[in-house]
Amino acid sequence: METRGYFRRKIVELLSLTAMMVLLCGMSVSAASKVVNMQKEAGAFSYVGQCESGMTVYHKFKLTKPSFVLVTGVEGSNYGGSFGMNVTLCNKKKKALDESKYVKMEDPADSSTFAEYALAKGTYYVKVSNVGRYGLVVGAATKVKNIAITDKGGKSKSKAATVKTKKKVCGIIATGESTSKADWYKFKVTKSKTLTFKLYAEGTAKVNFTLYGPSYKNGINMADLKNNDASLKTIKKYSWGGNAGNLKVAPGTYYIRVKRSSGSKKSTSAVYYVYWK
């Protein structure tokens, strides 16, 4: 079983009140239009309505910052019960970014089933079809451990963003981005030493971290991580294909490449951070 990471726990806390409000309100029976705007409150977007037979409803929400997003919802029953529902995340052109996902909002909220995504800032839609009376909630976190999620990694080695020693940089591998896309970071070492690295990844994508530089001209695979436990504090001592904690380096400029591991689909995504000292 995958561990429930930091983002899931924080967003579950965020959704608790919203989920209860949706479940208790009985859900409006007014017909939904084809495109509706979700209401935003306390970092969560929500909508309650009805989807007529044969109708598809696109629920619009806008992210002003890169975010880790959880989507959940519930379909109401005329007999007082509730059911899960299928949702599809779409881009601003209403093109599906992932296959349909089954979700169910529960009371208590920490028992809910989610679809999860790391997303760049922008406009998105959640598509729902043929569900009758329902409630939909989208929770968005913009920080990990009080570090803002950014999208500042360089698009190539020559445009690598500088990451300072003892400073965590948090980035995203966004849903829908090409599998060949990578984020590049760089730092300079002035003398031979042993460096300590801390790496973290959370999401549906397995994330590869590779180090390049004078001591590793062909690159050295530091880690392939997926759904790390939030209690991760150090990375295991280096072994090929495993995780890197301490690496000896000669003076020079080094580059860290972050991308999906081989075989990952572009519908997968993750948030991550890199740290060195």
C-alpha atoms as a PDB file:
ATOM      1  CA  MET A   1       0.000   0.000   0.000  1.00  0.00           C
ATOM      2  CA  GLU A   2       1.312   3.432  -0.901  1.00  0.00           C
ATOM      3  CA  THR A   3       1.983   5.699   2.032  1.00  0.00           C
ATOM      4  CA  ARG A   4      -0.248   8.725   2.465  1.00  0.00           C
ATOM      5  CA  GLY A   5       2.239  11.565   2.009  1.00  0.00           C
ATOM      6  CA  TYR A   6       2.505  15.081   3.309  1.00  0.00           C
ATOM      7  CA  PHE A   7       0.314  16.658   0.623  1.00  0.00           C
ATOM      8  CA  ARG A   8      -2.492  14.170   1.041  1.00  0.00           C
ATOM      9  CA  ARG A   9      -2.607  14.732   4.776  1.00  0.00           C
ATOM     10  CA  LYS A  10      -2.612  18.512   4.506  1.00  0.00           C
ATOM     11  CA  ILE A  11      -5.319  18.583   1.829  1.00  0.00           C
ATOM     12  CA  VAL A  12      -7.467  16.083   3.759  1.00  0.00           C
ATOM     13  CA  GLU A  13      -7.383  18.576   6.621  1.00  0.00           C
ATOM     14  CA  LEU A  14      -8.318  21.339   4.196  1.00  0.00           C
ATOM     15  CA  LEU A  15     -11.234  19.373   2.721  1.00  0.00           C
ATOM     16  CA  SER A  16     -12.778  18.196   5.972  1.00  0.00           C
ATOM     17  CA  LEU A  17     -15.072  21.178   6.497  1.00  0.00           C
ATOM     18  CA  THR A  18     -15.873  21.563   2.807  1.00  0.00           C
ATOM     19  CA  ALA A  19     -16.751  17.883   2.468  1.00  0.00           C
ATOM     20  CA  MET A  20     -19.110  18.027   5.427  1.00  0.00           C
ATOM     21  CA  MET A  21     -20.873  21.083   3.984  1.00  0.00           C
ATOM     22  CA  VAL A  22     -21.398  19.337   0.645  1.00  0.00           C
ATOM     23  CA  LEU A  23     -22.750  16.192   2.273  1.00  0.00           C
ATOM     24  CA  LEU A  24     -25.043  18.010   4.690  1.00  0.00           C
ATOM     25  CA  CYS A  25     -26.571  20.438   2.211  1.00  0.00           C
ATOM     26  CA  GLY A  26     -28.512  17.664   0.475  1.00  0.00           C
ATOM     27  CA  MET A  27     -27.154  18.796  -2.901  1.00  0.00           C
ATOM     28  CA  SER A  28     -29.038  21.158  -5.156  1.00  0.00           C
ATOM     29  CA  VAL A  29     -31.284  19.592  -7.760  1.00  0.00           C
ATOM     30  CA  SER A  30     -31.085  22.513 -10.176  1.00  0.00           C
ATOM     31  CA  ALA A  31     -29.853  21.503 -13.614  1.00  0.00           C
ATOM     32  CA  ALA A  32     -26.176  22.248 -14.285  1.00  0.00           C
ATOM     33  CA  SER A  33     -25.090  24.090 -17.415  1.00  0.00           C
ATOM     34  CA  LYS A  34     -22.446  22.577 -19.648  1.00  0.00           C
ATOM     35  CA  VAL A  35     -19.689  24.780 -18.160  1.00  0.00           C
ATOM     36  CA  VAL A  36     -19.831  25.897 -14.517  1.00  0.00           C
ATOM     37  CA  ASN A  37     -17.471  27.870 -12.311  1.00  0.00           C
ATOM     38  CA  MET A  38     -16.384  26.198  -9.100  1.00  0.00           C
ATOM     39  CA  GLN A  39     -16.567  28.286  -5.924  1.00  0.00           C
ATOM     40  CA  LYS A  40     -13.283  28.919  -4.111  1.00  0.00           C
ATOM     41  CA  GLU A  41     -12.960  29.057  -0.341  1.00  0.00           C
ATOM     42  CA  ALA A  42      -9.962  28.446   1.946  1.00  0.00           C
ATOM     43  CA  GLY A  43      -7.836  26.902  -0.800  1.00  0.00           C
ATOM     44  CA  ALA A  44     -10.546  24.504  -2.038  1.00  0.00           C
ATOM     45  CA  PHE A  45     -12.878  24.690  -5.033  1.00  0.00           C
ATOM     46  CA  SER A  46     -16.337  23.166  -4.770  1.00  0.00           C
ATOM     47  CA  TYR A  47     -19.555  22.716  -6.725  1.00  0.00           C
ATOM     48  CA  VAL A  48     -22.913  21.132  -5.891  1.00  0.00           C
ATOM     49  CA  GLY A  49     -25.522  20.441  -8.576  1.00  0.00           C
ATOM     50  CA  GLN A  50     -27.145  17.944 -10.879  1.00  0.00           C
ATOM     51  CA  CYS A  51     -26.020  16.417 -14.156  1.00  0.00           C
ATOM     52  CA  GLU A  52     -28.970  15.494 -16.357  1.00  0.00           C
ATOM     53  CA  SER A  53     -29.020  12.195 -18.237  1.00  0.00           C
ATOM     54  CA  GLY A  54     -26.747  12.410 -21.255  1.00  0.00           C
ATOM     55  CA  MET A  55     -25.183  15.679 -20.093  1.00  0.00           C
ATOM     56  CA  THR A  56     -21.487  16.408 -19.576  1.00  0.00           C
ATOM     57  CA  VAL A  57     -20.546  19.174 -17.179  1.00  0.00           C
ATOM     58  CA  TYR A  58     -17.135  20.890 -17.190  1.00  0.00           C
ATOM     59  CA  HIS A  59     -16.225  22.411 -13.826  1.00  0.00           C
ATOM     60  CA  LYS A  60     -13.836  25.330 -14.247  1.00  0.00           C
ATOM     61  CA  PHE A  61     -11.169  26.279 -11.720  1.00  0.00           C
ATOM     62  CA  LYS A  62      -8.076  28.458 -11.961  1.00  0.00           C
ATOM     63  CA  LEU A  63      -4.730  27.985 -10.232  1.00  0.00           C
ATOM     64  CA  THR A  64      -2.696  31.156  -9.744  1.00  0.00           C
ATOM     65  CA  LYS A  65       0.369  29.176  -8.601  1.00  0.00           C
ATOM     66  CA  PRO A  66       1.827  25.714  -9.271  1.00  0.00           C
ATOM     67  CA  SER A  67      -0.093  23.336  -7.004  1.00  0.00           C
ATOM     68  CA  PHE A  68      -0.563  19.781  -5.820  1.00  0.00           C
ATOM     69  CA  VAL A  69      -4.240  19.043  -6.395  1.00  0.00           C
ATOM     70  CA  LEU A  70      -6.634  16.418  -5.042  1.00  0.00           C
ATOM     71  CA  VAL A  71     -10.058  15.863  -6.651  1.00  0.00           C
ATOM     72  CA  THR A  72     -12.926  14.057  -4.939  1.00  0.00           C
ATOM     73  CA  GLY A  73     -16.706  13.968  -5.148  1.00  0.00           C
ATOM     74  CA  VAL A  74     -19.901  12.159  -4.218  1.00  0.00           C
ATOM     75  CA  GLU A  75     -23.146  11.255  -5.974  1.00  0.00           C
ATOM     76  CA  GLY A  76     -26.295  11.424  -3.881  1.00  0.00           C
ATOM     77  CA  SER A  77     -28.983   8.763  -3.720  1.00  0.00           C
ATOM     78  CA  ASN A  78     -32.721   9.314  -3.588  1.00  0.00           C
ATOM     79  CA  TYR A  79     -32.723   6.818  -0.714  1.00  0.00           C
ATOM     80  CA  GLY A  80     -30.282   8.777   1.435  1.00  0.00           C
ATOM     81  CA  GLY A  81     -27.083   6.943   0.538  1.00  0.00           C
ATOM     82  CA  SER A  82     -24.124   8.095  -1.503  1.00  0.00           C
ATOM     83  CA  PHE A  83     -21.876   6.734  -4.220  1.00  0.00           C
ATOM     84  CA  GLY A  84     -18.531   7.461  -5.775  1.00  0.00           C
ATOM     85  CA  MET A  85     -18.228   9.023  -9.225  1.00  0.00           C
ATOM     86  CA  ASN A  86     -15.884   9.212 -12.207  1.00  0.00           C
ATOM     87  CA  VAL A  87     -14.034  12.462 -12.945  1.00  0.00           C
ATOM     88  CA  THR A  88     -11.684  13.504 -15.741  1.00  0.00           C
ATOM     89  CA  LEU A  89      -9.155  16.326 -15.477  1.00  0.00           C
ATOM     90  CA  CYS A  90      -8.982  18.538 -18.581  1.00  0.00           C
ATOM     91  CA  ASN A  91      -6.815  21.462 -19.704  1.00  0.00           C
ATOM     92  CA  LYS A  92      -8.052  24.939 -20.632  1.00  0.00           C
ATOM     93  CA  LYS A  93      -9.191  23.607 -24.022  1.00  0.00           C
ATOM     94  CA  LYS A  94     -11.225  20.892 -22.283  1.00  0.00           C
ATOM     95  CA  LYS A  95      -8.865  18.202 -23.582  1.00  0.00           C
ATOM     96  CA  ALA A  96      -8.440  15.302 -21.181  1.00  0.00           C
ATOM     97  CA  LEU A  97      -5.077  15.231 -19.391  1.00  0.00           C
ATOM     98  CA  ASP A  98      -5.671  11.824 -17.838  1.00  0.00           C
ATOM     99  CA  GLU A  99      -8.042   8.904 -18.072  1.00  0.00           C
ATOM    100  CA  SER A 100     -11.218   8.943 -16.008  1.00  0.00           C
ATOM    101  CA  LYS A 101     -10.656   8.350 -12.278  1.00  0.00           C
ATOM    102  CA  TYR A 102     -13.057   6.941  -9.691  1.00  0.00           C
ATOM    103  CA  VAL A 103     -13.328   9.104  -6.566  1.00  0.00           C
ATOM    104  CA  LYS A 104     -15.553   9.134  -3.494  1.00  0.00           C
ATOM    105  CA  MET A 105     -15.891  11.788  -0.807  1.00  0.00           C
ATOM    106  CA  GLU A 106     -16.485  10.273   2.597  1.00  0.00           C
ATOM    107  CA  ASP A 107     -17.297  11.464   6.093  1.00  0.00           C
ATOM    108  CA  PRO A 108     -14.740  11.497   7.741  1.00  0.00           C
ATOM    109  CA  ALA A 109     -12.815  13.114   4.888  1.00  0.00           C
ATOM    110  CA  ASP A 110      -9.616  11.167   5.534  1.00  0.00           C
ATOM    111  CA  SER A 111     -11.396   8.054   4.248  1.00  0.00           C
ATOM    112  CA  SER A 112     -12.060   9.704   0.886  1.00  0.00           C
ATOM    113  CA  THR A 113     -10.749   8.445  -2.450  1.00  0.00           C
ATOM    114  CA  PHE A 114      -8.898  11.046  -4.540  1.00  0.00           C
ATOM    115  CA  ALA A 115      -7.487  11.675  -7.988  1.00  0.00           C
ATOM    116  CA  GLU A 116      -4.192  13.526  -7.527  1.00  0.00           C
ATOM    117  CA  TYR A 117      -2.223  15.833  -9.819  1.00  0.00           C
ATOM    118  CA  ALA A 118       0.717  18.226  -9.792  1.00  0.00           C
ATOM    119  CA  LEU A 119      -0.319  21.159 -11.980  1.00  0.00           C
ATOM    120  CA  ALA A 120       1.266  24.306 -13.354  1.00  0.00           C
ATOM    121  CA  LYS A 121      -0.653  27.529 -12.857  1.00  0.00           C
ATOM    122  CA  GLY A 122      -3.498  27.989 -15.318  1.00  0.00           C
ATOM    123  CA  THR A 123      -7.131  27.159 -16.039  1.00  0.00           C
ATOM    124  CA  TYR A 124      -8.452  23.608 -15.758  1.00  0.00           C
ATOM    125  CA  TYR A 125     -11.744  21.716 -15.914  1.00  0.00           C
ATOM    126  CA  VAL A 126     -13.037  18.613 -14.161  1.00  0.00           C
ATOM    127  CA  LYS A 127     -15.400  16.732 -16.484  1.00  0.00           C
ATOM    128  CA  VAL A 128     -18.367  14.833 -15.041  1.00  0.00           C
ATOM    129  CA  SER A 129     -21.116  12.962 -16.903  1.00  0.00           C
ATOM    130  CA  ASN A 130     -24.416  11.286 -15.989  1.00  0.00           C
ATOM    131  CA  VAL A 131     -24.152  11.367 -12.207  1.00  0.00           C
ATOM    132  CA  GLY A 132     -27.491  12.856 -11.095  1.00  0.00           C
ATOM    133  CA  ARG A 133     -27.209  14.890  -7.880  1.00  0.00           C
ATOM    134  CA  TYR A 134     -23.602  15.329  -6.848  1.00  0.00           C
ATOM    135  CA  GLY A 135     -20.957  17.373  -5.050  1.00  0.00           C
ATOM    136  CA  LEU A 136     -17.414  17.953  -6.322  1.00  0.00           C
ATOM    137  CA  VAL A 137     -14.367  19.273  -4.425  1.00  0.00           C
ATOM    138  CA  VAL A 138     -10.890  20.225  -5.676  1.00  0.00           C
ATOM    139  CA  GLY A 139      -8.256  20.949  -3.014  1.00  0.00           C
ATOM    140  CA  ALA A 140      -4.997  22.713  -3.948  1.00  0.00           C
ATOM    141  CA  ALA A 141      -1.776  23.001  -1.915  1.00  0.00           C
ATOM    142  CA  THR A 142       0.873  25.535  -2.994  1.00  0.00           C
ATOM    143  CA  LYS A 143       3.548  24.594  -0.438  1.00  0.00           C
ATOM    144  CA  VAL A 144       5.381  21.529   0.830  1.00  0.00           C
ATOM    145  CA  LYS A 145       6.720  21.754   4.375  1.00  0.00           C
ATOM    146  CA  ASN A 146       6.356  25.543   4.121  1.00  0.00           C
ATOM    147  CA  ILE A 147       8.389  25.647   0.889  1.00  0.00           C
ATOM    148  CA  ALA A 148       6.536  27.218  -2.033  1.00  0.00           C
ATOM    149  CA  ILE A 149       6.042  24.914  -5.017  1.00  0.00           C
ATOM    150  CA  THR A 150       7.719  26.589  -7.993  1.00  0.00           C
ATOM    151  CA  ASP A 151       8.160  25.853 -11.675  1.00  0.00           C
ATOM    152  CA  LYS A 152      11.562  27.480 -12.043  1.00  0.00           C
ATOM    153  CA  GLY A 153      13.752  24.563 -13.102  1.00  0.00           C
ATOM    154  CA  GLY A 154      15.672  25.335 -16.282  1.00  0.00           C
ATOM    155  CA  LYS A 155      14.354  23.787 -19.492  1.00  0.00           C
ATOM    156  CA  SER A 156      17.841  22.687 -20.533  1.00  0.00           C
ATOM    157  CA  LYS A 157      21.293  22.206 -19.052  1.00  0.00           C
ATOM    158  CA  SER A 158      22.428  25.536 -20.503  1.00  0.00           C
ATOM    159  CA  LYS A 159      19.489  27.284 -18.799  1.00  0.00           C
ATOM    160  CA  ALA A 160      19.763  25.493 -15.454  1.00  0.00           C
ATOM    161  CA  ALA A 161      18.484  27.400 -12.403  1.00  0.00           C
ATOM    162  CA  THR A 162      20.912  27.920  -9.528  1.00  0.00           C
ATOM    163  CA  VAL A 163      20.168  26.043  -6.300  1.00  0.00           C
ATOM    164  CA  LYS A 164      22.108  27.332  -3.298  1.00  0.00           C
ATOM    165  CA  THR A 165      23.619  25.128  -0.639  1.00  0.00           C
ATOM    166  CA  LYS A 166      21.344  24.288   2.302  1.00  0.00           C
ATOM    167  CA  LYS A 167      18.314  25.705   0.414  1.00  0.00           C
ATOM    168  CA  LYS A 168      15.515  23.368  -0.628  1.00  0.00           C
ATOM    169  CA  VAL A 169      14.062  24.025  -4.063  1.00  0.00           C
ATOM    170  CA  CYS A 170      10.587  22.604  -4.658  1.00  0.00           C
ATOM    171  CA  GLY A 171       9.376  22.014  -8.221  1.00  0.00           C
ATOM    172  CA  ILE A 172       6.768  20.073 -10.182  1.00  0.00           C
ATOM    173  CA  ILE A 173       6.528  17.567 -12.966  1.00  0.00           C
ATOM    174  CA  ALA A 174       3.114  18.602 -14.228  1.00  0.00           C
ATOM    175  CA  THR A 175       0.338  16.397 -15.561  1.00  0.00           C
ATOM    176  CA  GLY A 176       0.273  16.542 -19.365  1.00  0.00           C
ATOM    177  CA  GLU A 177       3.873  17.661 -19.847  1.00  0.00           C
ATOM    178  CA  SER A 178       5.984  15.705 -22.331  1.00  0.00           C
ATOM    179  CA  THR A 179       7.773  12.692 -20.860  1.00  0.00           C
ATOM    180  CA  SER A 180      11.019  14.078 -22.293  1.00  0.00           C
ATOM    181  CA  LYS A 181      10.718  17.353 -20.384  1.00  0.00           C
ATOM    182  CA  ALA A 182      13.261  17.834 -17.600  1.00  0.00           C
ATOM    183  CA  ASP A 183      13.997  20.452 -14.945  1.00  0.00           C
ATOM    184  CA  TRP A 184      17.652  21.444 -14.624  1.00  0.00           C
ATOM    185  CA  TYR A 185      19.440  22.928 -11.604  1.00  0.00           C
ATOM    186  CA  LYS A 186      23.099  23.845 -11.077  1.00  0.00           C
ATOM    187  CA  PHE A 187      25.526  24.646  -8.281  1.00  0.00           C
ATOM    188  CA  LYS A 188      29.283  25.254  -7.987  1.00  0.00           C
ATOM    189  CA  VAL A 189      31.794  23.420  -5.800  1.00  0.00           C
ATOM    190  CA  THR A 190      35.107  25.213  -5.100  1.00  0.00           C
ATOM    191  CA  LYS A 191      37.094  22.307  -3.661  1.00  0.00           C
ATOM    192  CA  SER A 192      37.021  18.524  -3.445  1.00  0.00           C
ATOM    193  CA  LYS A 193      34.524  17.365  -0.838  1.00  0.00           C
ATOM    194  CA  THR A 194      31.724  14.957  -0.035  1.00  0.00           C
ATOM    195  CA  LEU A 195      28.273  16.381  -0.689  1.00  0.00           C
ATOM    196  CA  THR A 196      25.073  15.346   1.053  1.00  0.00           C
ATOM    197  CA  PHE A 197      21.855  15.295  -0.966  1.00  0.00           C
ATOM    198  CA  LYS A 198      18.255  15.141   0.218  1.00  0.00           C
ATOM    199  CA  LEU A 199      15.627  14.387  -2.405  1.00  0.00           C
ATOM    200  CA  TYR A 200      11.856  14.046  -2.143  1.00  0.00           C
ATOM    201  CA  ALA A 201       9.047  13.166  -4.556  1.00  0.00           C
ATOM    202  CA  GLU A 202       5.294  12.888  -4.020  1.00  0.00           C
ATOM    203  CA  GLY A 203       2.666  12.028  -6.629  1.00  0.00           C
ATOM    204  CA  THR A 204       1.778   9.438  -9.245  1.00  0.00           C
ATOM    205  CA  ALA A 205       5.004   9.730 -11.263  1.00  0.00           C
ATOM    206  CA  LYS A 206       8.283   8.022 -10.437  1.00  0.00           C
ATOM    207  CA  VAL A 207      10.894  10.792 -10.454  1.00  0.00           C
ATOM    208  CA  ASN A 208      14.510  10.406 -11.573  1.00  0.00           C
ATOM    209  CA  PHE A 209      17.309  12.570 -10.158  1.00  0.00           C
ATOM    210  CA  THR A 210      20.630  12.507 -12.072  1.00  0.00           C
ATOM    211  CA  LEU A 211      23.824  14.406 -11.213  1.00  0.00           C
ATOM    212  CA  TYR A 212      26.254  15.657 -13.903  1.00  0.00           C
ATOM    213  CA  GLY A 213      29.603  17.408 -13.488  1.00  0.00           C
ATOM    214  CA  PRO A 214      33.386  17.010 -13.526  1.00  0.00           C
ATOM    215  CA  SER A 215      33.265  13.872 -11.365  1.00  0.00           C
ATOM    216  CA  TYR A 216      30.282  12.387 -13.240  1.00  0.00           C
ATOM    217  CA  LYS A 217      30.567  13.507 -16.853  1.00  0.00           C
ATOM    218  CA  ASN A 218      28.175  10.833 -18.109  1.00  0.00           C
ATOM    219  CA  GLY A 219      25.771  11.400 -15.242  1.00  0.00           C
ATOM    220  CA  ILE A 220      25.169   9.375 -12.117  1.00  0.00           C
ATOM    221  CA  ASN A 221      21.705   8.182 -11.157  1.00  0.00           C
ATOM    222  CA  MET A 222      21.077   9.480  -7.635  1.00  0.00           C
ATOM    223  CA  ALA A 223      17.508   8.238  -7.147  1.00  0.00           C
ATOM    224  CA  ASP A 224      14.220   7.099  -8.641  1.00  0.00           C
ATOM    225  CA  LEU A 225      11.558   8.084  -6.140  1.00  0.00           C
ATOM    226  CA  LYS A 226       7.791   7.719  -5.914  1.00  0.00           C
ATOM    227  CA  ASN A 227       5.476   8.572  -3.016  1.00  0.00           C
ATOM    228  CA  ASN A 228       8.208   8.996  -0.444  1.00  0.00           C
ATOM    229  CA  ASP A 229       7.184   8.837   3.186  1.00  0.00           C
ATOM    230  CA  ALA A 230       6.906  12.354   4.591  1.00  0.00           C
ATOM    231  CA  SER A 231       9.237  11.361   7.421  1.00  0.00           C
ATOM    232  CA  LEU A 232      12.126  10.923   4.958  1.00  0.00           C
ATOM    233  CA  LYS A 233      15.129  12.759   6.387  1.00  0.00           C
ATOM    234  CA  THR A 234      18.099  11.257   4.589  1.00  0.00           C
ATOM    235  CA  ILE A 235      18.694   9.258   1.448  1.00  0.00           C
ATOM    236  CA  LYS A 236      20.381   5.873   1.603  1.00  0.00           C
ATOM    237  CA  LYS A 237      24.077   5.585   0.848  1.00  0.00           C
ATOM    238  CA  TYR A 238      24.697   5.481  -2.871  1.00  0.00           C
ATOM    239  CA  SER A 239      24.505   2.266  -4.866  1.00  0.00           C
ATOM    240  CA  TRP A 240      23.988   2.098  -8.594  1.00  0.00           C
ATOM    241  CA  GLY A 241      20.323   2.422  -9.449  1.00  0.00           C
ATOM    242  CA  GLY A 242      19.486   3.219  -5.841  1.00  0.00           C
ATOM    243  CA  ASN A 243      19.330   6.375  -3.740  1.00  0.00           C
ATOM    244  CA  ALA A 244      22.212   8.811  -3.240  1.00  0.00           C
ATOM    245  CA  GLY A 245      22.920  10.444   0.098  1.00  0.00           C
ATOM    246  CA  ASN A 246      26.639  11.264   0.000  1.00  0.00           C
ATOM    247  CA  LEU A 247      28.760  11.687  -3.124  1.00  0.00           C
ATOM    248  CA  LYS A 248      32.405  12.685  -3.489  1.00  0.00           C
ATOM    249  CA  VAL A 249      32.976  15.485  -6.013  1.00  0.00           C
ATOM    250  CA  ALA A 250      35.904  17.416  -7.481  1.00  0.00           C
ATOM    251  CA  PRO A 251      35.745  21.218  -7.929  1.00  0.00           C
ATOM    252  CA  GLY A 252      33.525  22.550 -10.697  1.00  0.00           C
ATOM    253  CA  THR A 253      29.928  23.182 -11.739  1.00  0.00           C
ATOM    254  CA  TYR A 254      27.401  20.414 -11.212  1.00  0.00           C
ATOM    255  CA  TYR A 255      23.934  19.915 -12.659  1.00  0.00           C
ATOM    256  CA  ILE A 256      20.911  18.047 -11.304  1.00  0.00           C
ATOM    257  CA  ARG A 257      18.395  16.830 -13.874  1.00  0.00           C
ATOM    258  CA  VAL A 258      14.889  16.012 -12.616  1.00  0.00           C
ATOM    259  CA  LYS A 259      12.419  14.179 -14.870  1.00  0.00           C
ATOM    260  CA  ARG A 260       9.997  11.287 -14.994  1.00  0.00           C
ATOM    261  CA  SER A 261      11.697   7.922 -14.760  1.00  0.00           C
ATOM    262  CA  SER A 262      11.751   5.809 -17.891  1.00  0.00           C
ATOM    263  CA  GLY A 263       8.370   4.269 -18.701  1.00  0.00           C
ATOM    264  CA  SER A 264       6.252   6.857 -16.885  1.00  0.00           C
ATOM    265  CA  LYS A 265       3.250   8.262 -18.758  1.00  0.00           C
ATOM    266  CA  LYS A 266       2.772  11.989 -19.284  1.00  0.00           C
ATOM    267  CA  SER A 267      -0.526  11.765 -17.381  1.00  0.00           C
ATOM    268  CA  THR A 268       1.492  11.050 -14.229  1.00  0.00           C
ATOM    269  CA  SER A 269       2.841  13.909 -12.147  1.00  0.00           C
ATOM    270  CA  ALA A 270       4.708  14.779  -8.975  1.00  0.00           C
ATOM    271  CA  VAL A 271       6.035  17.528  -6.768  1.00  0.00           C
ATOM    272  CA  TYR A 272       9.647  17.210  -5.612  1.00  0.00           C
ATOM    273  CA  TYR A 273      12.447  19.022  -3.859  1.00  0.00           C
ATOM    274  CA  VAL A 274      16.221  18.969  -4.103  1.00  0.00           C
ATOM    275  CA  TYR A 275      18.720  19.922  -1.394  1.00  0.00           C
ATOM    276  CA  TRP A 276      22.503  19.763  -1.150  1.00  0.00           C
ATOM    277  CA  LYS A 277      25.213  20.799   1.266  1.00  0.00           C
END
